[in-house]
């Protein structure tokens, strides 16, 4: 759940830069749009991590993969 909260914060910051781009001068528009894009890219990365962690959690409980080392290899 924490990753989703971080992703939502990234989206909030992206929206702020979108607003600045829409209301700012023409010369600042590209700068703010690039910052918006970077925040949205970061949000996507956090959503992907959240999905991966959920999948690993599902696999570890459903398939008995709880005995993995940090590299994801079985310790048996």
C-alpha atoms as a PDB file:
ATOM      1  CA  UNK A   1       0.000   0.000   0.000  1.00  0.00           C
ATOM      2  CA  UNK A   2       2.865   2.389   0.729  1.00  0.00           C
ATOM      3  CA  UNK A   3       4.056   2.313  -2.905  1.00  0.00           C
ATOM      4  CA  UNK A   4       0.587   3.368  -4.069  1.00  0.00           C
ATOM      5  CA  UNK A   5       0.666   6.331  -1.705  1.00  0.00           C
ATOM      6  CA  UNK A   6       4.029   7.430  -3.063  1.00  0.00           C
ATOM      7  CA  UNK A   7       2.722   7.022  -6.627  1.00  0.00           C
ATOM      8  CA  UNK A   8      -0.294   9.161  -5.790  1.00  0.00           C
ATOM      9  CA  UNK A   9       1.992  11.847  -4.386  1.00  0.00           C
ATOM     10  CA  UNK A  10       4.002  11.761  -7.615  1.00  0.00           C
ATOM     11  CA  UNK A  11       0.781  12.198  -9.581  1.00  0.00           C
ATOM     12  CA  UNK A  12      -0.185  15.139  -7.367  1.00  0.00           C
ATOM     13  CA  UNK A  13       3.146  16.816  -8.051  1.00  0.00           C
ATOM     14  CA  UNK A  14       2.794  16.121 -11.780  1.00  0.00           C
ATOM     15  CA  UNK A  15      -0.611  17.802 -11.745  1.00  0.00           C
ATOM     16  CA  UNK A  16       0.917  20.853 -10.084  1.00  0.00           C
ATOM     17  CA  UNK A  17       3.507  21.141 -12.846  1.00  0.00           C
ATOM     18  CA  UNK A  18       0.767  20.715 -15.467  1.00  0.00           C
ATOM     19  CA  UNK A  19      -1.068  23.604 -13.854  1.00  0.00           C
ATOM     20  CA  UNK A  20       2.106  25.707 -13.855  1.00  0.00           C
ATOM     21  CA  UNK A  21       2.613  24.906 -17.537  1.00  0.00           C
ATOM     22  CA  UNK A  22      -0.919  25.927 -18.412  1.00  0.00           C
ATOM     23  CA  UNK A  23      -0.757  29.164 -16.433  1.00  0.00           C
ATOM     24  CA  UNK A  24       2.880  30.086 -16.958  1.00  0.00           C
ATOM     25  CA  UNK A  25       4.696  31.943 -19.660  1.00  0.00           C
ATOM     26  CA  UNK A  26       5.335  30.360 -23.011  1.00  0.00           C
ATOM     27  CA  UNK A  27       9.057  30.098 -22.286  1.00  0.00           C
ATOM     28  CA  UNK A  28       8.418  28.121 -19.071  1.00  0.00           C
ATOM     29  CA  UNK A  29       5.806  25.800 -20.584  1.00  0.00           C
ATOM     30  CA  UNK A  30       8.224  23.138 -21.903  1.00  0.00           C
ATOM     31  CA  UNK A  31      10.181  23.121 -18.658  1.00  0.00           C
ATOM     32  CA  UNK A  32       7.067  22.484 -16.564  1.00  0.00           C
ATOM     33  CA  UNK A  33       5.722  19.884 -19.002  1.00  0.00           C
ATOM     34  CA  UNK A  34       9.020  17.997 -18.806  1.00  0.00           C
ATOM     35  CA  UNK A  35       8.828  18.034 -15.012  1.00  0.00           C
ATOM     36  CA  UNK A  36       5.252  16.771 -15.199  1.00  0.00           C
ATOM     37  CA  UNK A  37       6.376  13.910 -17.431  1.00  0.00           C
ATOM     38  CA  UNK A  38       9.198  12.979 -15.063  1.00  0.00           C
ATOM     39  CA  UNK A  39       6.834  12.871 -12.083  1.00  0.00           C
ATOM     40  CA  UNK A  40       4.395  10.713 -14.065  1.00  0.00           C
ATOM     41  CA  UNK A  41       7.223   8.352 -15.058  1.00  0.00           C
ATOM     42  CA  UNK A  42       8.172   8.061 -11.414  1.00  0.00           C
ATOM     43  CA  UNK A  43       4.551   7.365 -10.452  1.00  0.00           C
ATOM     44  CA  UNK A  44       4.428   4.562 -13.030  1.00  0.00           C
ATOM     45  CA  UNK A  45       7.582   3.039 -11.582  1.00  0.00           C
ATOM     46  CA  UNK A  46       6.057   3.019  -8.095  1.00  0.00           C
ATOM     47  CA  UNK A  47       2.855   1.433  -9.410  1.00  0.00           C
ATOM     48  CA  UNK A  48       4.930  -1.260 -11.128  1.00  0.00           C
ATOM     49  CA  UNK A  49       6.840  -1.959  -7.920  1.00  0.00           C
ATOM     50  CA  UNK A  50       3.541  -2.201  -6.049  1.00  0.00           C
ATOM     51  CA  UNK A  51       2.206  -4.757  -8.543  1.00  0.00           C
ATOM     52  CA  UNK A  52       5.446  -6.753  -8.378  1.00  0.00           C
ATOM     53  CA  UNK A  53       5.389  -6.790  -4.576  1.00  0.00           C
ATOM     54  CA  UNK A  54       1.769  -7.917  -4.587  1.00  0.00           C
ATOM     55  CA  UNK A  55       2.624 -10.706  -7.026  1.00  0.00           C
ATOM     56  CA  UNK A  56       5.556 -11.820  -4.900  1.00  0.00           C
ATOM     57  CA  UNK A  57       3.370 -11.757  -1.813  1.00  0.00           C
ATOM     58  CA  UNK A  58       0.750 -13.847  -3.577  1.00  0.00           C
ATOM     59  CA  UNK A  59       3.336 -16.314  -4.819  1.00  0.00           C
ATOM     60  CA  UNK A  60       5.015 -16.606  -1.441  1.00  0.00           C
ATOM     61  CA  UNK A  61       1.744 -17.451   0.298  1.00  0.00           C
ATOM     62  CA  UNK A  62       0.166 -19.538  -2.456  1.00  0.00           C
ATOM     63  CA  UNK A  63       3.178 -21.388  -3.791  1.00  0.00           C
ATOM     64  CA  UNK A  64       5.347 -21.716  -0.718  1.00  0.00           C
ATOM     65  CA  UNK A  65       7.993 -19.289  -1.911  1.00  0.00           C
ATOM     66  CA  UNK A  66       8.463 -17.751   1.491  1.00  0.00           C
ATOM     67  CA  UNK A  67      11.938 -19.299   1.720  1.00  0.00           C
ATOM     68  CA  UNK A  68      13.641 -17.051  -0.797  1.00  0.00           C
ATOM     69  CA  UNK A  69      16.803 -15.110  -0.126  1.00  0.00           C
ATOM     70  CA  UNK A  70      16.966 -11.386  -1.038  1.00  0.00           C
ATOM     71  CA  UNK A  71      18.095 -12.284  -4.584  1.00  0.00           C
ATOM     72  CA  UNK A  72      14.943 -14.360  -5.079  1.00  0.00           C
ATOM     73  CA  UNK A  73      16.679 -17.728  -4.974  1.00  0.00           C
ATOM     74  CA  UNK A  74      15.460 -20.630  -2.902  1.00  0.00           C
ATOM     75  CA  UNK A  75      17.482 -21.265   0.230  1.00  0.00           C
ATOM     76  CA  UNK A  76      16.689 -24.992   0.152  1.00  0.00           C
END
